[in-house]
Amino acid sequence: MRAATLPQDLPAAPARPDFDEVYRDHVGFVWRSLRRFGVLEAELEDAAHEVFLVVHRRLPEFDGRAAITSWLYAIARGVASNRRRSDQRRTKRLEQLPEPAPTGLDPTEQLERDEAAAAVERFLAGLPADQRIVFELFEIEGLRAGEIAEMLAVNVNTVYTRLRAARLRFGDYVAALSADRGGHRG
């Protein structure tokens, strides 16, 4: 009859590597592997961080049956593959976007237009809601006072009163902007 094997007779399980040690000893290997897998130079640092995030999370699962470099290589291959798929999806989505219509404006004119639009947005945000809706519907959407009155279920004179108040505020707002710019544009 065989003698029972005592626990002290079993071979010791390999010690789990420390994360800091794995990083220090193998970051160059991971970096080079990612480059070989086609990760762009500008993305290598982020990709290496992704690999070591996986390593940090899964290091307790590493059983030591394979070399640590084999395990790191497989993780790096997976990260690189995921990045390629993401890049392909992003490129595909961007290709589906329509080209922006040329405005015919030079960059200075476009900047002035954008600044004016932002100023109008700030003005509208500061208006009381009842004046803002009337101002937007009349001045921006081009609706008539009667249509607005019907939409809002108010008297047409109420529409004109709100519109007048909003226009006065707008005049004051534009005057203040002009004063801030020294009375002239640019």
N, C-alpha and C. Protein backbone atom coordinates (compact mmCIF):
# COMPACT_ATOMS: atom_id res chain seq x y z
N MET A 1 0.82 -1.15 0.00
CA MET A 1 0.00 0.00 0.00
C MET A 1 0.89 1.24 0.00
N ARG A 2 0.45 2.25 -0.74
CA ARG A 2 1.23 3.50 -0.84
C ARG A 2 0.98 4.37 0.37
N ALA A 3 1.99 5.08 0.70
CA ALA A 3 1.86 6.01 1.82
C ALA A 3 1.15 7.25 1.33
N ALA A 4 0.33 7.77 2.17
CA ALA A 4 -0.40 9.01 1.82
C ALA A 4 0.59 10.16 1.67
N THR A 5 0.30 10.98 0.66
CA THR A 5 1.17 12.13 0.42
C THR A 5 0.78 13.24 1.39
N LEU A 6 1.73 13.71 2.07
CA LEU A 6 1.49 14.78 3.02
C LEU A 6 1.56 16.13 2.31
N PRO A 7 0.81 17.11 2.80
CA PRO A 7 0.81 18.42 2.15
C PRO A 7 2.21 19.00 2.01
N GLN A 8 3.12 18.76 2.94
CA GLN A 8 4.45 19.34 2.83
C GLN A 8 5.25 18.67 1.72
N ASP A 9 4.79 17.51 1.22
CA ASP A 9 5.50 16.81 0.15
C ASP A 9 5.12 17.31 -1.24
N LEU A 10 4.03 18.08 -1.34
CA LEU A 10 3.59 18.59 -2.63
C LEU A 10 4.51 19.71 -3.08
N PRO A 11 4.72 19.80 -4.41
CA PRO A 11 5.56 20.91 -4.88
C PRO A 11 4.85 22.23 -4.61
N ALA A 12 5.61 23.22 -4.27
CA ALA A 12 5.05 24.54 -3.95
C ALA A 12 4.53 25.20 -5.22
N ALA A 13 3.40 25.83 -5.09
CA ALA A 13 2.85 26.58 -6.22
C ALA A 13 3.76 27.77 -6.51
N PRO A 14 3.93 28.07 -7.79
CA PRO A 14 4.80 29.22 -8.09
C PRO A 14 4.23 30.49 -7.46
N ALA A 15 5.13 31.32 -6.97
CA ALA A 15 4.70 32.58 -6.34
C ALA A 15 4.11 33.50 -7.40
N ARG A 16 3.01 34.14 -7.05
CA ARG A 16 2.38 35.09 -7.98
C ARG A 16 3.28 36.32 -8.10
N PRO A 17 3.49 36.75 -9.32
CA PRO A 17 4.34 37.94 -9.49
C PRO A 17 3.62 39.19 -8.96
N ASP A 18 4.40 40.12 -8.52
CA ASP A 18 3.91 41.40 -8.03
C ASP A 18 3.66 42.31 -9.24
N PHE A 19 2.57 43.09 -9.23
CA PHE A 19 2.22 43.95 -10.36
C PHE A 19 3.35 44.92 -10.68
N ASP A 20 3.88 45.60 -9.67
CA ASP A 20 4.95 46.57 -9.91
C ASP A 20 6.14 45.92 -10.60
N GLU A 21 6.45 44.70 -10.18
CA GLU A 21 7.56 43.96 -10.77
C GLU A 21 7.27 43.61 -12.23
N VAL A 22 6.04 43.15 -12.49
CA VAL A 22 5.65 42.80 -13.86
C VAL A 22 5.74 44.04 -14.74
N TYR A 23 5.22 45.14 -14.25
CA TYR A 23 5.25 46.39 -15.04
C TYR A 23 6.69 46.79 -15.32
N ARG A 24 7.48 46.87 -14.29
CA ARG A 24 8.87 47.32 -14.42
C ARG A 24 9.67 46.41 -15.38
N ASP A 25 9.48 45.13 -15.25
CA ASP A 25 10.27 44.19 -16.05
C ASP A 25 9.78 44.02 -17.48
N HIS A 26 8.51 44.35 -17.73
CA HIS A 26 7.95 43.98 -19.04
C HIS A 26 7.28 45.11 -19.81
N VAL A 27 7.32 46.34 -19.31
CA VAL A 27 6.65 47.43 -20.04
C VAL A 27 7.27 47.63 -21.42
N GLY A 28 8.58 47.50 -21.53
CA GLY A 28 9.23 47.63 -22.84
C GLY A 28 8.77 46.56 -23.81
N PHE A 29 8.66 45.32 -23.32
CA PHE A 29 8.18 44.21 -24.15
C PHE A 29 6.76 44.48 -24.64
N VAL A 30 5.89 44.94 -23.73
CA VAL A 30 4.50 45.23 -24.10
C VAL A 30 4.47 46.34 -25.15
N TRP A 31 5.24 47.38 -24.93
CA TRP A 31 5.30 48.52 -25.85
C TRP A 31 5.72 48.06 -27.24
N ARG A 32 6.79 47.28 -27.30
CA ARG A 32 7.28 46.78 -28.60
C ARG A 32 6.26 45.86 -29.26
N SER A 33 5.60 45.02 -28.46
CA SER A 33 4.59 44.11 -29.00
C SER A 33 3.44 44.89 -29.61
N LEU A 34 2.98 45.91 -28.90
CA LEU A 34 1.88 46.72 -29.42
C LEU A 34 2.27 47.40 -30.73
N ARG A 35 3.50 47.87 -30.81
CA ARG A 35 3.97 48.51 -32.04
C ARG A 35 3.97 47.48 -33.18
N ARG A 36 4.41 46.25 -32.89
CA ARG A 36 4.40 45.20 -33.92
C ARG A 36 2.98 44.86 -34.36
N PHE A 37 2.02 45.00 -33.44
CA PHE A 37 0.62 44.72 -33.77
C PHE A 37 -0.02 45.87 -34.55
N GLY A 38 0.73 46.93 -34.81
CA GLY A 38 0.23 48.01 -35.65
C GLY A 38 -0.42 49.17 -34.90
N VAL A 39 -0.25 49.24 -33.59
CA VAL A 39 -0.78 50.37 -32.84
C VAL A 39 0.04 51.60 -33.23
N LEU A 40 -0.65 52.69 -33.55
CA LEU A 40 0.03 53.91 -33.96
C LEU A 40 0.90 54.46 -32.84
N GLU A 41 2.01 55.06 -33.22
CA GLU A 41 2.96 55.61 -32.25
C GLU A 41 2.27 56.55 -31.26
N ALA A 42 1.36 57.37 -31.75
CA ALA A 42 0.66 58.33 -30.89
C ALA A 42 -0.26 57.65 -29.88
N GLU A 43 -0.62 56.39 -30.13
CA GLU A 43 -1.55 55.68 -29.25
C GLU A 43 -0.87 54.61 -28.40
N LEU A 44 0.44 54.46 -28.56
CA LEU A 44 1.14 53.39 -27.84
C LEU A 44 1.03 53.52 -26.33
N GLU A 45 1.18 54.72 -25.81
CA GLU A 45 1.13 54.88 -24.36
C GLU A 45 -0.24 54.48 -23.82
N ASP A 46 -1.30 54.96 -24.47
CA ASP A 46 -2.65 54.61 -24.02
C ASP A 46 -2.89 53.10 -24.12
N ALA A 47 -2.43 52.50 -25.21
CA ALA A 47 -2.62 51.06 -25.39
C ALA A 47 -1.85 50.27 -24.33
N ALA A 48 -0.64 50.72 -24.01
CA ALA A 48 0.14 50.04 -22.97
C ALA A 48 -0.57 50.16 -21.62
N HIS A 49 -1.14 51.31 -21.36
CA HIS A 49 -1.90 51.48 -20.11
C HIS A 49 -3.09 50.52 -20.08
N GLU A 50 -3.75 50.37 -21.22
CA GLU A 50 -4.87 49.42 -21.27
C GLU A 50 -4.41 48.01 -20.94
N VAL A 51 -3.27 47.62 -21.51
CA VAL A 51 -2.74 46.28 -21.25
C VAL A 51 -2.50 46.10 -19.76
N PHE A 52 -1.87 47.08 -19.14
CA PHE A 52 -1.54 46.92 -17.73
C PHE A 52 -2.75 47.09 -16.82
N LEU A 53 -3.80 47.72 -17.29
CA LEU A 53 -5.06 47.70 -16.54
C LEU A 53 -5.62 46.28 -16.50
N VAL A 54 -5.56 45.61 -17.64
CA VAL A 54 -6.01 44.21 -17.70
C VAL A 54 -5.13 43.34 -16.81
N VAL A 55 -3.82 43.57 -16.89
CA VAL A 55 -2.89 42.79 -16.07
C VAL A 55 -3.21 42.99 -14.59
N HIS A 56 -3.41 44.23 -14.20
CA HIS A 56 -3.71 44.52 -12.79
C HIS A 56 -4.97 43.79 -12.33
N ARG A 57 -5.97 43.79 -13.18
CA ARG A 57 -7.24 43.15 -12.83
C ARG A 57 -7.12 41.62 -12.82
N ARG A 58 -6.33 41.07 -13.74
CA ARG A 58 -6.30 39.62 -13.91
C ARG A 58 -5.06 38.94 -13.33
N LEU A 59 -4.14 39.69 -12.74
CA LEU A 59 -2.93 39.09 -12.21
C LEU A 59 -3.21 37.98 -11.20
N PRO A 60 -4.23 38.10 -10.35
CA PRO A 60 -4.51 36.99 -9.43
C PRO A 60 -4.89 35.69 -10.16
N GLU A 61 -5.35 35.79 -11.41
CA GLU A 61 -5.71 34.60 -12.18
C GLU A 61 -4.49 33.94 -12.83
N PHE A 62 -3.38 34.67 -12.93
CA PHE A 62 -2.19 34.13 -13.59
C PHE A 62 -1.67 32.96 -12.77
N ASP A 63 -1.61 31.78 -13.40
CA ASP A 63 -1.25 30.57 -12.64
C ASP A 63 0.21 30.16 -12.83
N GLY A 64 0.94 30.82 -13.70
CA GLY A 64 2.35 30.51 -13.87
C GLY A 64 2.64 29.32 -14.75
N ARG A 65 1.61 28.73 -15.36
CA ARG A 65 1.85 27.57 -16.23
C ARG A 65 2.57 28.00 -17.51
N ALA A 66 2.35 29.23 -17.95
CA ALA A 66 3.04 29.75 -19.13
C ALA A 66 3.94 30.89 -18.67
N ALA A 67 4.83 31.26 -19.54
CA ALA A 67 5.71 32.39 -19.22
C ALA A 67 4.88 33.67 -19.13
N ILE A 68 5.29 34.55 -18.26
CA ILE A 68 4.57 35.81 -18.10
C ILE A 68 4.55 36.59 -19.42
N THR A 69 5.63 36.48 -20.20
CA THR A 69 5.67 37.19 -21.47
C THR A 69 4.63 36.65 -22.45
N SER A 70 4.37 35.35 -22.41
CA SER A 70 3.33 34.78 -23.28
C SER A 70 1.97 35.34 -22.90
N TRP A 71 1.72 35.44 -21.62
CA TRP A 71 0.46 35.97 -21.11
C TRP A 71 0.31 37.44 -21.50
N LEU A 72 1.37 38.22 -21.30
CA LEU A 72 1.35 39.64 -21.66
C LEU A 72 1.17 39.83 -23.16
N TYR A 73 1.81 38.97 -23.94
CA TYR A 73 1.70 39.04 -25.41
C TYR A 73 0.24 38.83 -25.83
N ALA A 74 -0.42 37.86 -25.23
CA ALA A 74 -1.82 37.59 -25.57
C ALA A 74 -2.71 38.78 -25.20
N ILE A 75 -2.46 39.37 -24.04
CA ILE A 75 -3.25 40.54 -23.63
C ILE A 75 -3.00 41.70 -24.58
N ALA A 76 -1.74 41.94 -24.93
CA ALA A 76 -1.40 43.03 -25.85
C ALA A 76 -2.05 42.81 -27.21
N ARG A 77 -2.05 41.56 -27.67
CA ARG A 77 -2.70 41.26 -28.96
C ARG A 77 -4.18 41.58 -28.90
N GLY A 78 -4.84 41.24 -27.80
CA GLY A 78 -6.26 41.54 -27.65
C GLY A 78 -6.53 43.03 -27.61
N VAL A 79 -5.71 43.78 -26.88
CA VAL A 79 -5.89 45.24 -26.81
C VAL A 79 -5.70 45.86 -28.19
N ALA A 80 -4.66 45.44 -28.91
CA ALA A 80 -4.41 45.97 -30.25
C ALA A 80 -5.56 45.64 -31.19
N SER A 81 -6.07 44.44 -31.09
CA SER A 81 -7.20 44.03 -31.93
C SER A 81 -8.43 44.87 -31.65
N ASN A 82 -8.72 45.09 -30.37
CA ASN A 82 -9.87 45.93 -30.00
C ASN A 82 -9.70 47.35 -30.52
N ARG A 83 -8.50 47.88 -30.46
CA ARG A 83 -8.25 49.24 -30.95
C ARG A 83 -8.45 49.31 -32.46
N ARG A 84 -7.99 48.30 -33.19
CA ARG A 84 -8.19 48.29 -34.64
C ARG A 84 -9.67 48.27 -34.98
N ARG A 85 -10.44 47.43 -34.27
CA ARG A 85 -11.89 47.37 -34.53
C ARG A 85 -12.54 48.72 -34.22
N SER A 86 -12.15 49.33 -33.11
CA SER A 86 -12.71 50.63 -32.74
C SER A 86 -12.37 51.67 -33.79
N ASP A 87 -11.11 51.66 -34.27
CA ASP A 87 -10.70 52.62 -35.30
C ASP A 87 -11.49 52.41 -36.58
N GLN A 88 -11.73 51.15 -36.94
CA GLN A 88 -12.49 50.87 -38.15
C GLN A 88 -13.93 51.35 -38.02
N ARG A 89 -14.54 51.12 -36.85
CA ARG A 89 -15.92 51.59 -36.64
C ARG A 89 -15.98 53.11 -36.68
N ARG A 90 -15.01 53.76 -36.05
CA ARG A 90 -14.98 55.23 -36.02
C ARG A 90 -14.83 55.77 -37.44
N THR A 91 -13.92 55.18 -38.21
CA THR A 91 -13.71 55.61 -39.60
C THR A 91 -14.97 55.42 -40.41
N LYS A 92 -15.64 54.29 -40.21
CA LYS A 92 -16.88 54.02 -40.96
C LYS A 92 -17.95 55.04 -40.63
N ARG A 93 -18.09 55.38 -39.32
CA ARG A 93 -19.09 56.39 -38.93
C ARG A 93 -18.75 57.75 -39.52
N LEU A 94 -17.47 58.11 -39.51
CA LEU A 94 -17.06 59.41 -40.05
C LEU A 94 -17.29 59.48 -41.55
N GLU A 95 -17.09 58.36 -42.23
CA GLU A 95 -17.32 58.34 -43.68
C GLU A 95 -18.79 58.53 -44.01
N GLN A 96 -19.68 58.15 -43.11
CA GLN A 96 -21.11 58.26 -43.35
C GLN A 96 -21.63 59.67 -43.11
N LEU A 97 -20.84 60.50 -42.42
CA LEU A 97 -21.27 61.87 -42.16
C LEU A 97 -21.20 62.67 -43.45
N PRO A 98 -22.20 63.51 -43.69
CA PRO A 98 -22.12 64.35 -44.89
C PRO A 98 -21.04 65.41 -44.73
N GLU A 99 -20.44 65.78 -45.83
CA GLU A 99 -19.45 66.85 -45.80
C GLU A 99 -20.15 68.15 -45.45
N PRO A 100 -19.55 68.97 -44.60
CA PRO A 100 -20.18 70.24 -44.28
C PRO A 100 -20.26 71.12 -45.53
N ALA A 101 -21.39 71.77 -45.67
CA ALA A 101 -21.57 72.64 -46.82
C ALA A 101 -20.66 73.85 -46.69
N PRO A 102 -19.97 74.20 -47.77
CA PRO A 102 -19.12 75.37 -47.68
C PRO A 102 -19.97 76.62 -47.44
N THR A 103 -19.52 77.46 -46.54
CA THR A 103 -20.29 78.65 -46.21
C THR A 103 -20.00 79.78 -47.17
N GLY A 104 -18.88 79.72 -47.85
CA GLY A 104 -18.50 80.81 -48.74
C GLY A 104 -17.93 81.98 -47.96
N LEU A 105 -17.77 81.81 -46.65
CA LEU A 105 -17.24 82.88 -45.83
C LEU A 105 -15.78 82.61 -45.53
N ASP A 106 -15.01 83.70 -45.47
CA ASP A 106 -13.63 83.49 -45.03
C ASP A 106 -13.64 83.24 -43.53
N PRO A 107 -12.56 82.75 -42.97
CA PRO A 107 -12.55 82.40 -41.55
C PRO A 107 -12.92 83.56 -40.62
N THR A 108 -12.54 84.77 -40.97
CA THR A 108 -12.87 85.92 -40.12
C THR A 108 -14.37 86.17 -40.12
N GLU A 109 -14.98 86.11 -41.31
CA GLU A 109 -16.44 86.28 -41.39
C GLU A 109 -17.17 85.18 -40.63
N GLN A 110 -16.68 83.94 -40.75
CA GLN A 110 -17.30 82.82 -40.05
C GLN A 110 -17.19 83.00 -38.55
N LEU A 111 -16.05 83.46 -38.07
CA LEU A 111 -15.87 83.71 -36.64
C LEU A 111 -16.84 84.79 -36.16
N GLU A 112 -16.98 85.88 -36.93
CA GLU A 112 -17.92 86.94 -36.55
C GLU A 112 -19.34 86.42 -36.51
N ARG A 113 -19.70 85.58 -37.47
CA ARG A 113 -21.04 85.01 -37.51
C ARG A 113 -21.28 84.11 -36.29
N ASP A 114 -20.29 83.28 -35.97
CA ASP A 114 -20.40 82.40 -34.81
C ASP A 114 -20.52 83.19 -33.51
N GLU A 115 -19.74 84.26 -33.40
CA GLU A 115 -19.80 85.11 -32.21
C GLU A 115 -21.17 85.78 -32.09
N ALA A 116 -21.71 86.24 -33.22
CA ALA A 116 -23.03 86.88 -33.21
C ALA A 116 -24.10 85.87 -32.79
N ALA A 117 -24.02 84.65 -33.32
CA ALA A 117 -24.98 83.61 -32.94
C ALA A 117 -24.90 83.31 -31.45
N ALA A 118 -23.69 83.25 -30.93
CA ALA A 118 -23.51 82.99 -29.50
C ALA A 118 -24.08 84.14 -28.67
N ALA A 119 -23.91 85.37 -29.14
CA ALA A 119 -24.45 86.53 -28.43
C ALA A 119 -25.97 86.49 -28.41
N VAL A 120 -26.58 86.11 -29.53
CA VAL A 120 -28.04 86.01 -29.58
C VAL A 120 -28.52 84.91 -28.64
N GLU A 121 -27.81 83.79 -28.59
CA GLU A 121 -28.17 82.70 -27.68
C GLU A 121 -28.12 83.17 -26.22
N ARG A 122 -27.07 83.93 -25.89
CA ARG A 122 -26.96 84.46 -24.52
C ARG A 122 -28.11 85.41 -24.22
N PHE A 123 -28.47 86.26 -25.19
CA PHE A 123 -29.59 87.19 -25.01
C PHE A 123 -30.88 86.41 -24.77
N LEU A 124 -31.14 85.43 -25.61
CA LEU A 124 -32.38 84.66 -25.49
C LEU A 124 -32.44 83.92 -24.15
N ALA A 125 -31.31 83.43 -23.69
CA ALA A 125 -31.28 82.71 -22.42
C ALA A 125 -31.62 83.63 -21.25
N GLY A 126 -31.36 84.92 -21.42
CA GLY A 126 -31.64 85.87 -20.34
C GLY A 126 -33.02 86.47 -20.37
N LEU A 127 -33.78 86.21 -21.40
CA LEU A 127 -35.14 86.77 -21.51
C LEU A 127 -36.11 85.97 -20.65
N PRO A 128 -37.14 86.64 -20.12
CA PRO A 128 -38.21 85.88 -19.47
C PRO A 128 -38.86 84.95 -20.50
N ALA A 129 -39.29 83.80 -20.07
CA ALA A 129 -39.79 82.77 -20.98
C ALA A 129 -40.92 83.27 -21.88
N ASP A 130 -41.86 84.06 -21.33
CA ASP A 130 -42.98 84.52 -22.15
C ASP A 130 -42.53 85.46 -23.26
N GLN A 131 -41.52 86.29 -22.99
CA GLN A 131 -40.99 87.19 -24.02
C GLN A 131 -40.13 86.41 -25.02
N ARG A 132 -39.33 85.47 -24.50
CA ARG A 132 -38.44 84.70 -25.37
C ARG A 132 -39.22 83.93 -26.43
N ILE A 133 -40.27 83.26 -26.03
CA ILE A 133 -41.01 82.45 -27.00
C ILE A 133 -41.64 83.32 -28.08
N VAL A 134 -42.17 84.47 -27.69
CA VAL A 134 -42.76 85.37 -28.68
C VAL A 134 -41.68 85.93 -29.60
N PHE A 135 -40.56 86.35 -29.03
CA PHE A 135 -39.46 86.90 -29.82
C PHE A 135 -38.94 85.86 -30.82
N GLU A 136 -38.73 84.64 -30.34
CA GLU A 136 -38.24 83.58 -31.23
C GLU A 136 -39.23 83.27 -32.35
N LEU A 137 -40.50 83.13 -31.99
CA LEU A 137 -41.49 82.79 -33.02
C LEU A 137 -41.67 83.90 -34.05
N PHE A 138 -41.63 85.15 -33.60
CA PHE A 138 -41.84 86.27 -34.52
C PHE A 138 -40.57 86.59 -35.30
N GLU A 139 -39.48 86.85 -34.59
CA GLU A 139 -38.25 87.34 -35.23
C GLU A 139 -37.44 86.23 -35.91
N ILE A 140 -37.42 85.06 -35.34
CA ILE A 140 -36.57 83.99 -35.88
C ILE A 140 -37.36 83.07 -36.80
N GLU A 141 -38.55 82.64 -36.34
CA GLU A 141 -39.35 81.72 -37.14
C GLU A 141 -40.20 82.43 -38.19
N GLY A 142 -40.40 83.72 -38.03
CA GLY A 142 -41.14 84.50 -39.02
C GLY A 142 -42.65 84.32 -38.96
N LEU A 143 -43.18 83.89 -37.82
CA LEU A 143 -44.63 83.74 -37.70
C LEU A 143 -45.28 85.10 -37.47
N ARG A 144 -46.56 85.20 -37.80
CA ARG A 144 -47.32 86.44 -37.58
C ARG A 144 -47.86 86.46 -36.16
N ALA A 145 -48.17 87.67 -35.69
CA ALA A 145 -48.65 87.85 -34.32
C ALA A 145 -49.93 87.05 -34.08
N GLY A 146 -50.83 87.01 -35.06
CA GLY A 146 -52.07 86.25 -34.92
C GLY A 146 -51.81 84.76 -34.76
N GLU A 147 -50.86 84.23 -35.51
CA GLU A 147 -50.51 82.81 -35.41
C GLU A 147 -49.93 82.51 -34.02
N ILE A 148 -49.09 83.41 -33.55
CA ILE A 148 -48.45 83.22 -32.25
C ILE A 148 -49.51 83.26 -31.15
N ALA A 149 -50.43 84.22 -31.26
CA ALA A 149 -51.50 84.34 -30.26
C ALA A 149 -52.32 83.06 -30.20
N GLU A 150 -52.61 82.50 -31.35
CA GLU A 150 -53.38 81.26 -31.41
C GLU A 150 -52.59 80.09 -30.80
N MET A 151 -51.30 80.01 -31.13
CA MET A 151 -50.46 78.93 -30.61
C MET A 151 -50.35 78.99 -29.09
N LEU A 152 -50.21 80.21 -28.55
CA LEU A 152 -50.00 80.38 -27.12
C LEU A 152 -51.30 80.56 -26.34
N ALA A 153 -52.40 80.63 -27.07
CA ALA A 153 -53.71 80.84 -26.46
C ALA A 153 -53.73 82.12 -25.62
N VAL A 154 -53.24 83.21 -26.25
CA VAL A 154 -53.27 84.53 -25.61
C VAL A 154 -53.84 85.53 -26.59
N ASN A 155 -54.17 86.70 -26.11
CA ASN A 155 -54.68 87.79 -26.93
C ASN A 155 -53.55 88.29 -27.83
N VAL A 156 -53.87 88.72 -29.04
CA VAL A 156 -52.87 89.22 -29.96
C VAL A 156 -52.16 90.45 -29.38
N ASN A 157 -52.88 91.27 -28.60
CA ASN A 157 -52.24 92.43 -27.98
C ASN A 157 -51.18 92.00 -26.96
N THR A 158 -51.38 90.88 -26.32
CA THR A 158 -50.38 90.33 -25.39
C THR A 158 -49.12 89.95 -26.15
N VAL A 159 -49.30 89.38 -27.35
CA VAL A 159 -48.16 89.03 -28.18
C VAL A 159 -47.36 90.29 -28.51
N TYR A 160 -48.07 91.36 -28.95
CA TYR A 160 -47.37 92.59 -29.30
C TYR A 160 -46.68 93.22 -28.09
N THR A 161 -47.29 93.14 -26.94
CA THR A 161 -46.68 93.69 -25.72
C THR A 161 -45.40 92.94 -25.38
N ARG A 162 -45.46 91.63 -25.44
CA ARG A 162 -44.27 90.83 -25.14
C ARG A 162 -43.18 91.04 -26.18
N LEU A 163 -43.58 91.14 -27.45
CA LEU A 163 -42.62 91.37 -28.52
C LEU A 163 -41.93 92.71 -28.35
N ARG A 164 -42.70 93.74 -28.03
CA ARG A 164 -42.14 95.08 -27.83
C ARG A 164 -41.14 95.07 -26.67
N ALA A 165 -41.49 94.42 -25.58
CA ALA A 165 -40.60 94.36 -24.42
C ALA A 165 -39.30 93.61 -24.78
N ALA A 166 -39.43 92.52 -25.53
CA ALA A 166 -38.25 91.76 -25.92
C ALA A 166 -37.38 92.57 -26.88
N ARG A 167 -37.98 93.29 -27.80
CA ARG A 167 -37.21 94.11 -28.74
C ARG A 167 -36.46 95.22 -27.99
N LEU A 168 -37.12 95.84 -27.00
CA LEU A 168 -36.44 96.87 -26.22
C LEU A 168 -35.23 96.28 -25.49
N ARG A 169 -35.42 95.13 -24.90
CA ARG A 169 -34.29 94.47 -24.22
C ARG A 169 -33.18 94.13 -25.21
N PHE A 170 -33.57 93.69 -26.40
CA PHE A 170 -32.58 93.35 -27.41
C PHE A 170 -31.78 94.58 -27.81
N GLY A 171 -32.47 95.71 -28.01
CA GLY A 171 -31.79 96.96 -28.33
C GLY A 171 -30.79 97.34 -27.25
N ASP A 172 -31.20 97.22 -26.00
CA ASP A 172 -30.30 97.52 -24.88
C ASP A 172 -29.11 96.56 -24.86
N TYR A 173 -29.37 95.30 -25.15
CA TYR A 173 -28.32 94.28 -25.15
C TYR A 173 -27.29 94.58 -26.24
N VAL A 174 -27.77 94.92 -27.44
CA VAL A 174 -26.86 95.23 -28.55
C VAL A 174 -26.06 96.49 -28.23
N ALA A 175 -26.71 97.50 -27.64
CA ALA A 175 -26.00 98.73 -27.26
C ALA A 175 -24.91 98.42 -26.25
N ALA A 176 -25.20 97.55 -25.30
CA ALA A 176 -24.20 97.18 -24.30
C ALA A 176 -23.04 96.44 -24.94
N LEU A 177 -23.33 95.56 -25.89
CA LEU A 177 -22.25 94.84 -26.59
C LEU A 177 -21.37 95.83 -27.36
N SER A 178 -21.98 96.80 -28.03
CA SER A 178 -21.22 97.79 -28.78
C SER A 178 -20.36 98.61 -27.85
N ALA A 179 -20.90 98.98 -26.69
CA ALA A 179 -20.12 99.75 -25.72
C ALA A 179 -18.94 98.94 -25.21
N ASP A 180 -19.15 97.63 -25.00
CA ASP A 180 -18.07 96.77 -24.53
C ASP A 180 -16.95 96.66 -25.56
N ARG A 181 -17.29 96.78 -26.82
CA ARG A 181 -16.31 96.69 -27.89
C ARG A 181 -15.74 98.05 -28.26
N GLY A 182 -16.05 99.05 -27.49
CA GLY A 182 -15.53 100.38 -27.79
C GLY A 182 -16.33 101.08 -28.86
N GLY A 183 -17.56 100.66 -29.06
CA GLY A 183 -18.43 101.35 -30.02
C GLY A 183 -18.23 100.91 -31.46
N HIS A 184 -17.35 99.92 -31.68
CA HIS A 184 -17.16 99.44 -33.05
C HIS A 184 -16.85 97.94 -33.02
N ARG A 185 -16.99 97.32 -34.15
CA ARG A 185 -16.72 95.88 -34.28
C ARG A 185 -15.26 95.67 -34.58
N GLY A 186 -14.76 94.54 -34.06
CA GLY A 186 -13.41 94.11 -34.38
C GLY A 186 -12.49 94.68 -33.43
